[in-house]
């Protein structure tokens, strides 16, 4: 059943509570990557245009002790939003109480208010993170309708998403709707053929994703650190490369069952040490020296993966192909990123996390059909799990 979205609501004169995801990286009080804020703007602007009064909620980081409050205030977000919206954004440095209630009452149509970091409520018994029913009910009492646009927290059952939704009519924001269409679409009704590319360090992080995507995709291409556990399961010697001993049997089982679907690297960059200045050898996966560590896929693997992508109608990518933070081991990730970006007539989706950061930093962000804003949420969605934040949104 399709979910209700913000454009289905009559917003004129209404106080609209919006759960956004402003959990952005900060350094010395400055925002270092504003992508999540930018992605929230269409929903906020729509509510302003329709004459709603916008009350924004978000978390930022993990608030474990009183001293965290100073570095995790949402004040810099309010300032950035004011600039992006070209209007004042009222910031209330509290999560409840008379000051907040009065500030919301004083809003006019088209005004925007940002509530302090919802996780400040975690200092007193994790009320936000454990979905305290009284807190959800209280926040819901501050508005007329609720719009959940925070896909990044959709896999969490928190007071500021599920708690508010339990007490108010709830719709998805435009970003949440896009995530449901694209990431949910891969799982529920993809345009075939589907090719999945999975990377990152550990098999254990993606066991359920791999298993589920093998039921959906024609091919699953595996790179990154997790590839070496699969190569070891094939009986290959992998030198000092990353290995999860306790996942070799799982990898072997998958290869026995779905070996024709799984595509593994054929060559790697083997380094003398874990350093950008290391001596590098490009070798076949059959010839990895015992004293070296493979830190990236090689050029032949990039070509192989390109060939596997030809003719795909849906491509989902999650996880880098090597240690892309080190420039000498970023070529595999760059090559795969370019190959996907250059595909014509394909739905190309990045499932958040490091691969999203890689695509954006490499300048390919606008070449993909969709880049997910939720790392953990994307992974759980791709595993085929129901996400509580999405389940709590009203059906159309």
Protein backbone atom coordinates (compact mmCIF):
# COMPACT_ATOMS: atom_id res chain seq x y z
CA UNK A 1 0.00 0.00 0.00
CA UNK A 2 1.37 3.44 -0.98
CA UNK A 3 2.13 5.83 1.86
CA UNK A 4 0.52 9.23 2.32
CA UNK A 5 2.91 12.05 1.33
CA UNK A 6 3.10 15.69 2.35
CA UNK A 7 1.42 16.87 -0.87
CA UNK A 8 -1.69 14.84 0.10
CA UNK A 9 -2.23 17.06 3.17
CA UNK A 10 -4.13 20.33 3.57
CA UNK A 11 -1.48 22.44 5.30
CA UNK A 12 -2.97 25.96 5.25
CA UNK A 13 -2.74 27.48 8.73
CA UNK A 14 -1.67 24.14 10.25
CA UNK A 15 1.23 23.64 12.63
CA UNK A 16 3.22 20.98 10.80
CA UNK A 17 5.69 18.92 12.83
CA UNK A 18 8.52 17.68 10.61
CA UNK A 19 11.08 15.03 11.57
CA UNK A 20 14.09 15.88 9.44
CA UNK A 21 17.54 14.30 9.48
CA UNK A 22 20.05 17.05 10.26
CA UNK A 23 22.57 14.59 11.70
CA UNK A 24 25.39 16.17 9.68
CA UNK A 25 29.15 16.02 10.22
CA UNK A 26 30.49 19.02 12.17
CA UNK A 27 33.94 20.34 12.98
CA UNK A 28 34.47 23.16 15.48
CA UNK A 29 30.79 24.12 15.22
CA UNK A 30 30.88 24.28 11.40
CA UNK A 31 28.93 21.95 9.09
CA UNK A 32 31.35 20.01 6.86
CA UNK A 33 28.76 18.26 4.65
CA UNK A 34 25.31 19.82 4.24
CA UNK A 35 23.79 17.16 1.94
CA UNK A 36 21.14 16.04 4.43
CA UNK A 37 20.03 19.64 5.01
CA UNK A 38 19.82 20.27 1.25
CA UNK A 39 17.76 17.08 0.80
CA UNK A 40 15.24 18.28 3.41
CA UNK A 41 14.58 21.63 1.70
CA UNK A 42 11.89 20.55 -0.84
CA UNK A 43 9.57 19.36 1.95
CA UNK A 44 10.15 22.45 4.11
CA UNK A 45 9.64 24.81 1.14
CA UNK A 46 6.43 23.01 0.14
CA UNK A 47 4.95 23.47 3.63
CA UNK A 48 5.94 27.17 3.65
CA UNK A 49 4.37 27.67 0.19
CA UNK A 50 1.15 25.96 1.28
CA UNK A 51 0.82 28.27 4.31
CA UNK A 52 1.84 25.81 7.02
CA UNK A 53 3.84 26.66 10.15
CA UNK A 54 6.95 24.47 10.19
CA UNK A 55 8.25 22.95 13.44
CA UNK A 56 11.40 20.92 12.80
CA UNK A 57 12.79 18.08 14.93
CA UNK A 58 16.13 16.31 14.47
CA UNK A 59 18.86 14.57 16.42
CA UNK A 60 22.59 15.25 16.08
CA UNK A 61 25.14 12.68 17.24
CA UNK A 62 24.85 10.68 20.46
CA UNK A 63 24.23 12.63 23.65
CA UNK A 64 25.70 10.59 26.50
CA UNK A 65 26.55 13.20 29.11
CA UNK A 66 25.80 16.83 29.96
CA UNK A 67 29.08 18.03 28.43
CA UNK A 68 27.96 16.73 24.99
CA UNK A 69 25.29 19.43 24.81
CA UNK A 70 27.71 22.17 23.86
CA UNK A 71 29.09 20.44 20.76
CA UNK A 72 25.78 18.84 19.73
CA UNK A 73 23.44 21.84 19.77
CA UNK A 74 21.37 22.40 16.62
CA UNK A 75 22.08 26.17 16.68
CA UNK A 76 24.49 25.94 13.66
CA UNK A 77 21.78 24.04 11.72
CA UNK A 78 19.26 26.85 12.36
CA UNK A 79 21.78 29.39 11.05
CA UNK A 80 22.47 27.31 7.93
CA UNK A 81 18.75 26.75 7.30
CA UNK A 82 18.06 30.50 7.60
CA UNK A 83 20.61 31.11 4.85
CA UNK A 84 19.30 28.31 2.59
CA UNK A 85 15.63 29.29 3.00
CA UNK A 86 16.39 33.02 2.85
CA UNK A 87 14.24 33.66 5.91
CA UNK A 88 14.62 33.66 9.69
CA UNK A 89 14.49 30.27 11.39
CA UNK A 90 13.57 30.49 15.07
CA UNK A 91 15.78 28.25 17.17
CA UNK A 92 14.44 27.11 20.54
CA UNK A 93 17.31 25.66 22.61
CA UNK A 94 14.93 23.37 24.51
CA UNK A 95 13.08 20.14 23.74
CA UNK A 96 10.00 20.81 25.87
CA UNK A 97 8.40 23.37 28.16
CA UNK A 98 6.69 26.74 28.20
CA UNK A 99 9.30 28.58 26.12
CA UNK A 100 8.95 26.04 23.27
CA UNK A 101 5.15 25.97 23.49
CA UNK A 102 4.89 29.78 23.36
CA UNK A 103 7.34 30.05 20.45
CA UNK A 104 5.19 27.58 18.47
CA UNK A 105 1.98 29.51 19.34
CA UNK A 106 3.63 32.73 18.08
CA UNK A 107 4.36 31.26 14.61
CA UNK A 108 2.64 32.78 11.57
CA UNK A 109 1.90 30.97 8.30
CA UNK A 110 5.17 30.26 6.47
CA UNK A 111 7.34 30.60 9.60
CA UNK A 112 9.97 27.98 10.49
CA UNK A 113 11.09 26.89 13.97
CA UNK A 114 13.78 24.38 14.90
CA UNK A 115 13.58 22.48 18.21
CA UNK A 116 16.79 21.62 20.07
CA UNK A 117 18.48 18.22 19.49
CA UNK A 118 15.91 15.51 20.30
CA UNK A 119 18.63 13.35 21.88
CA UNK A 120 19.08 15.84 24.71
CA UNK A 121 16.09 13.85 26.03
CA UNK A 122 18.38 10.78 26.26
CA UNK A 123 20.19 12.22 29.28
CA UNK A 124 17.20 11.30 31.41
CA UNK A 125 16.57 7.59 30.75
CA UNK A 126 16.98 7.58 26.94
CA UNK A 127 13.47 8.95 26.46
CA UNK A 128 14.03 9.73 22.75
CA UNK A 129 15.93 6.58 21.76
CA UNK A 130 13.63 4.24 23.71
CA UNK A 131 10.46 5.85 22.31
CA UNK A 132 9.09 7.02 25.66
CA UNK A 133 5.30 7.13 25.07
CA UNK A 134 4.78 10.28 27.15
CA UNK A 135 7.46 12.16 25.19
CA UNK A 136 6.00 11.12 21.82
CA UNK A 137 2.54 12.18 23.00
CA UNK A 138 3.85 15.53 24.28
CA UNK A 139 5.66 16.39 21.04
CA UNK A 140 2.57 15.35 19.02
CA UNK A 141 0.46 17.76 21.12
CA UNK A 142 2.50 20.68 19.73
CA UNK A 143 1.16 20.33 16.17
CA UNK A 144 -1.76 19.47 13.90
CA UNK A 145 -0.10 17.00 11.50
CA UNK A 146 3.24 15.17 11.30
CA UNK A 147 5.56 14.78 8.31
CA UNK A 148 8.38 12.23 8.63
CA UNK A 149 11.19 13.10 6.23
CA UNK A 150 14.05 11.43 8.16
CA UNK A 151 14.86 8.21 6.31
CA UNK A 152 18.23 8.07 8.12
CA UNK A 153 16.35 7.14 11.33
CA UNK A 154 13.58 5.05 9.70
CA UNK A 155 15.13 1.83 11.09
CA UNK A 156 14.89 3.22 14.63
CA UNK A 157 11.79 3.29 16.83
CA UNK A 158 12.25 6.72 18.46
CA UNK A 159 9.89 9.17 20.15
CA UNK A 160 10.51 11.78 17.43
CA UNK A 161 9.43 9.49 14.59
CA UNK A 162 7.29 6.52 15.70
CA UNK A 163 6.24 8.20 18.96
CA UNK A 164 4.80 11.31 17.29
CA UNK A 165 3.30 9.25 14.45
CA UNK A 166 1.39 7.12 16.99
CA UNK A 167 -0.52 10.23 18.04
CA UNK A 168 -0.99 12.29 14.84
CA UNK A 169 -1.95 11.96 11.18
CA UNK A 170 1.38 11.22 9.50
CA UNK A 171 2.69 11.58 5.96
CA UNK A 172 6.07 11.04 4.33
CA UNK A 173 8.11 14.03 3.25
CA UNK A 174 9.39 14.18 -0.33
CA UNK A 175 12.80 12.75 0.62
CA UNK A 176 11.27 9.86 2.58
CA UNK A 177 8.93 9.17 -0.36
CA UNK A 178 11.91 9.10 -2.74
CA UNK A 179 13.76 6.64 -0.50
CA UNK A 180 10.67 4.39 -0.38
CA UNK A 181 10.35 4.52 -4.18
CA UNK A 182 14.02 3.81 -4.92
CA UNK A 183 15.44 1.69 -2.09
CA UNK A 184 12.08 0.05 -1.36
CA UNK A 185 11.60 -0.40 -5.11
CA UNK A 186 14.78 -2.47 -5.39
CA UNK A 187 13.44 -4.89 -2.78
CA UNK A 188 9.77 -5.01 -3.75
CA UNK A 189 9.42 -4.42 -7.49
CA UNK A 190 12.69 -3.79 -9.33
CA UNK A 191 13.05 -3.18 -13.06
CA UNK A 192 15.01 -6.28 -14.15
CA UNK A 193 17.77 -7.17 -14.76
CA UNK A 194 19.23 -6.09 -11.42
CA UNK A 195 22.96 -5.90 -10.64
CA UNK A 196 24.10 -5.30 -7.05
CA UNK A 197 27.61 -4.15 -6.17
CA UNK A 198 28.64 -4.70 -2.57
CA UNK A 199 31.86 -3.58 -0.92
CA UNK A 200 33.10 -2.45 2.45
CA UNK A 201 35.20 -4.19 5.04
CA UNK A 202 33.15 -6.99 6.53
CA UNK A 203 30.95 -9.83 5.33
CA UNK A 204 29.35 -9.86 8.79
CA UNK A 205 27.96 -6.33 8.25
CA UNK A 206 26.18 -7.42 5.08
CA UNK A 207 25.22 -11.09 5.50
CA UNK A 208 21.49 -10.36 5.28
CA UNK A 209 21.93 -7.86 2.44
CA UNK A 210 23.90 -10.38 0.35
CA UNK A 211 21.40 -13.16 1.07
CA UNK A 212 18.39 -11.00 0.21
CA UNK A 213 19.92 -9.46 -2.93
CA UNK A 214 20.77 -12.92 -4.27
CA UNK A 215 16.98 -13.49 -4.34
CA UNK A 216 16.49 -10.27 -6.32
CA UNK A 217 19.56 -9.59 -8.49
CA UNK A 218 20.80 -11.44 -11.54
CA UNK A 219 24.38 -10.66 -10.47
CA UNK A 220 25.99 -9.66 -7.16
CA UNK A 221 29.48 -8.19 -7.59
CA UNK A 222 31.58 -8.31 -4.42
CA UNK A 223 34.60 -6.07 -3.78
CA UNK A 224 36.20 -4.36 -0.82
CA UNK A 225 37.58 -6.15 2.22
CA UNK A 226 34.69 -8.62 2.26
CA UNK A 227 35.83 -10.12 -1.07
CA UNK A 228 38.85 -11.80 0.53
CA UNK A 229 36.73 -14.00 2.79
CA UNK A 230 34.97 -15.24 -0.39
CA UNK A 231 38.29 -15.77 -2.17
CA UNK A 232 39.56 -17.72 0.84
CA UNK A 233 36.37 -19.82 0.69
CA UNK A 234 37.36 -20.69 -2.90
CA UNK A 235 40.65 -22.04 -1.53
CA UNK A 236 42.81 -19.11 -2.63
CA UNK A 237 45.70 -17.74 -0.56
CA UNK A 238 45.03 -14.10 0.34
CA UNK A 239 48.26 -13.13 2.15
CA UNK A 240 47.66 -10.57 4.91
CA UNK A 241 44.34 -9.39 3.42
CA UNK A 242 41.29 -8.81 5.58
CA UNK A 243 39.67 -12.09 6.56
CA UNK A 244 36.74 -13.09 8.72
CA UNK A 245 37.60 -16.69 9.62
CA UNK A 246 34.18 -17.31 11.14
CA UNK A 247 32.45 -16.33 7.87
CA UNK A 248 34.38 -18.63 5.51
CA UNK A 249 31.76 -21.40 5.79
CA UNK A 250 28.96 -18.89 5.11
CA UNK A 251 30.82 -17.63 2.01
CA UNK A 252 31.43 -21.20 0.83
CA UNK A 253 27.77 -22.05 1.29
CA UNK A 254 26.71 -19.04 -0.80
CA UNK A 255 29.24 -19.85 -3.52
CA UNK A 256 28.04 -23.48 -3.67
CA UNK A 257 24.41 -22.38 -3.87
CA UNK A 258 24.63 -19.17 -5.96
CA UNK A 259 28.11 -19.22 -7.48
CA UNK A 260 26.81 -18.35 -10.96
CA UNK A 261 25.34 -15.10 -9.59
CA UNK A 262 28.33 -14.01 -7.50
CA UNK A 263 31.18 -12.20 -9.27
CA UNK A 264 34.47 -11.81 -7.38
CA UNK A 265 37.64 -9.81 -8.15
CA UNK A 266 40.15 -11.33 -10.57
CA UNK A 267 43.05 -9.03 -9.65
CA UNK A 268 44.03 -6.79 -6.74
CA UNK A 269 46.48 -4.16 -5.59
CA UNK A 270 48.65 -5.90 -2.98
CA UNK A 271 50.50 -3.55 -0.64
CA UNK A 272 53.63 -4.07 1.44
CA UNK A 273 51.89 -2.29 4.36
CA UNK A 274 48.68 -0.43 5.21
CA UNK A 275 49.89 2.95 4.00
CA UNK A 276 49.40 5.24 1.02
CA UNK A 277 53.18 5.17 0.55
CA UNK A 278 53.35 1.36 0.47
CA UNK A 279 54.99 -0.54 -2.37
CA UNK A 280 52.14 -1.79 -4.61
CA UNK A 281 51.94 -4.86 -6.83
CA UNK A 282 49.02 -5.50 -9.20
CA UNK A 283 48.54 -9.26 -9.07
CA UNK A 284 46.00 -11.93 -9.96
CA UNK A 285 43.88 -13.19 -7.06
CA UNK A 286 45.72 -16.51 -7.60
CA UNK A 287 49.08 -14.86 -6.86
CA UNK A 288 48.68 -12.68 -3.77
CA UNK A 289 52.06 -12.80 -1.94
CA UNK A 290 51.82 -14.15 1.59
CA UNK A 291 53.47 -11.05 3.11
CA UNK A 292 51.17 -8.54 1.34
CA UNK A 293 47.70 -7.13 1.96
CA UNK A 294 45.24 -6.50 -0.85
CA UNK A 295 43.81 -2.99 -0.40
CA UNK A 296 41.92 -2.43 -3.67
CA UNK A 297 40.55 -4.27 -6.66
CA UNK A 298 42.74 -4.16 -9.77
CA UNK A 299 42.09 -2.75 -13.28
CA UNK A 300 41.02 -6.11 -14.74
CA UNK A 301 38.35 -6.42 -12.04
CA UNK A 302 37.09 -2.90 -12.82
CA UNK A 303 36.74 -3.98 -16.48
CA UNK A 304 35.02 -7.24 -15.45
CA UNK A 305 32.56 -5.33 -13.25
CA UNK A 306 31.88 -2.87 -16.13
CA UNK A 307 31.00 -5.81 -18.39
CA UNK A 308 28.65 -7.24 -15.75
CA UNK A 309 26.86 -3.87 -15.55
CA UNK A 310 26.07 -3.76 -19.27
CA UNK A 311 22.35 -4.08 -19.93
CA UNK A 312 21.31 -3.70 -16.28
CA UNK A 313 18.05 -1.83 -15.72
CA UNK A 314 18.56 -1.46 -11.95
CA UNK A 315 21.92 -1.09 -10.20
CA UNK A 316 22.33 -0.79 -6.45
CA UNK A 317 25.76 -0.05 -4.98
CA UNK A 318 26.71 -0.19 -1.32
CA UNK A 319 30.29 -0.07 -0.07
CA UNK A 320 33.68 0.96 -1.53
CA UNK A 321 35.92 -1.42 -3.49
CA UNK A 322 39.05 -0.70 -1.49
CA UNK A 323 40.58 1.63 1.08
CA UNK A 324 39.36 4.63 -0.93
CA UNK A 325 40.41 7.11 1.80
CA UNK A 326 44.00 6.44 0.64
CA UNK A 327 44.37 7.89 -2.88
CA UNK A 328 46.56 5.03 -4.16
CA UNK A 329 43.80 2.54 -3.28
CA UNK A 330 40.83 4.58 -4.53
CA UNK A 331 41.01 3.65 -8.22
CA UNK A 332 38.76 0.61 -7.88
CA UNK A 333 36.01 2.64 -6.19
CA UNK A 334 36.45 5.47 -8.73
CA UNK A 335 36.29 3.01 -11.63
CA UNK A 336 33.10 1.37 -10.38
CA UNK A 337 31.57 4.76 -9.59
CA UNK A 338 32.31 5.99 -13.14
CA UNK A 339 30.99 2.78 -14.70
CA UNK A 340 27.65 3.09 -12.90
CA UNK A 341 27.40 6.85 -13.53
CA UNK A 342 27.88 6.32 -17.27
CA UNK A 343 25.09 3.74 -17.63
CA UNK A 344 22.25 4.82 -19.90
CA UNK A 345 18.60 3.94 -19.23
CA UNK A 346 19.27 2.38 -15.83
CA UNK A 347 17.98 3.15 -12.36
CA UNK A 348 21.22 3.71 -10.45
CA UNK A 349 21.00 3.76 -6.67
CA UNK A 350 23.63 4.24 -3.98
CA UNK A 351 22.65 2.77 -0.63
CA UNK A 352 24.12 5.50 1.57
CA UNK A 353 27.23 5.33 3.75
CA UNK A 354 30.78 5.35 2.36
CA UNK A 355 29.76 4.79 -1.26
CA UNK A 356 27.52 7.89 -1.12
CA UNK A 357 30.41 9.90 0.33
CA UNK A 358 32.72 8.53 -2.39
CA UNK A 359 30.32 9.43 -5.24
CA UNK A 360 29.79 12.94 -3.90
CA UNK A 361 33.49 13.61 -3.25
CA UNK A 362 34.35 12.34 -6.75
CA UNK A 363 31.83 14.73 -8.31
CA UNK A 364 29.40 12.04 -9.54
CA UNK A 365 26.56 12.79 -7.13
CA UNK A 366 24.21 14.16 -9.79
CA UNK A 367 24.89 11.27 -12.19
CA UNK A 368 22.95 8.74 -10.09
CA UNK A 369 19.19 8.28 -10.04
CA UNK A 370 19.23 8.29 -6.25
CA UNK A 371 21.78 8.56 -3.45
CA UNK A 372 20.29 7.41 -0.16
CA UNK A 373 20.66 9.63 2.90
CA UNK A 374 20.48 6.65 5.28
CA UNK A 375 23.40 4.25 5.75
CA UNK A 376 21.97 1.88 8.37
CA UNK A 377 18.39 2.40 7.23
CA UNK A 378 19.34 1.60 3.61
CA UNK A 379 21.09 -1.60 4.64
CA UNK A 380 18.13 -2.81 6.70
CA UNK A 381 15.72 -1.92 3.87
CA UNK A 382 17.90 -3.87 1.39
CA UNK A 383 17.83 -6.79 3.83
CA UNK A 384 14.07 -6.84 3.31
CA UNK A 385 13.27 -5.69 6.85
CA UNK A 386 10.24 -3.59 7.77
CA UNK A 387 11.39 -0.18 9.01
CA UNK A 388 9.38 1.17 11.97
CA UNK A 389 9.69 4.79 10.82
CA UNK A 390 8.08 3.91 7.49
CA UNK A 391 5.50 1.52 8.94
CA UNK A 392 4.25 4.34 11.21
CA UNK A 393 3.36 6.58 8.22
CA UNK A 394 -0.33 6.50 7.27
CA UNK A 395 -1.31 4.66 4.08
CA UNK A 396 -2.96 6.70 1.33
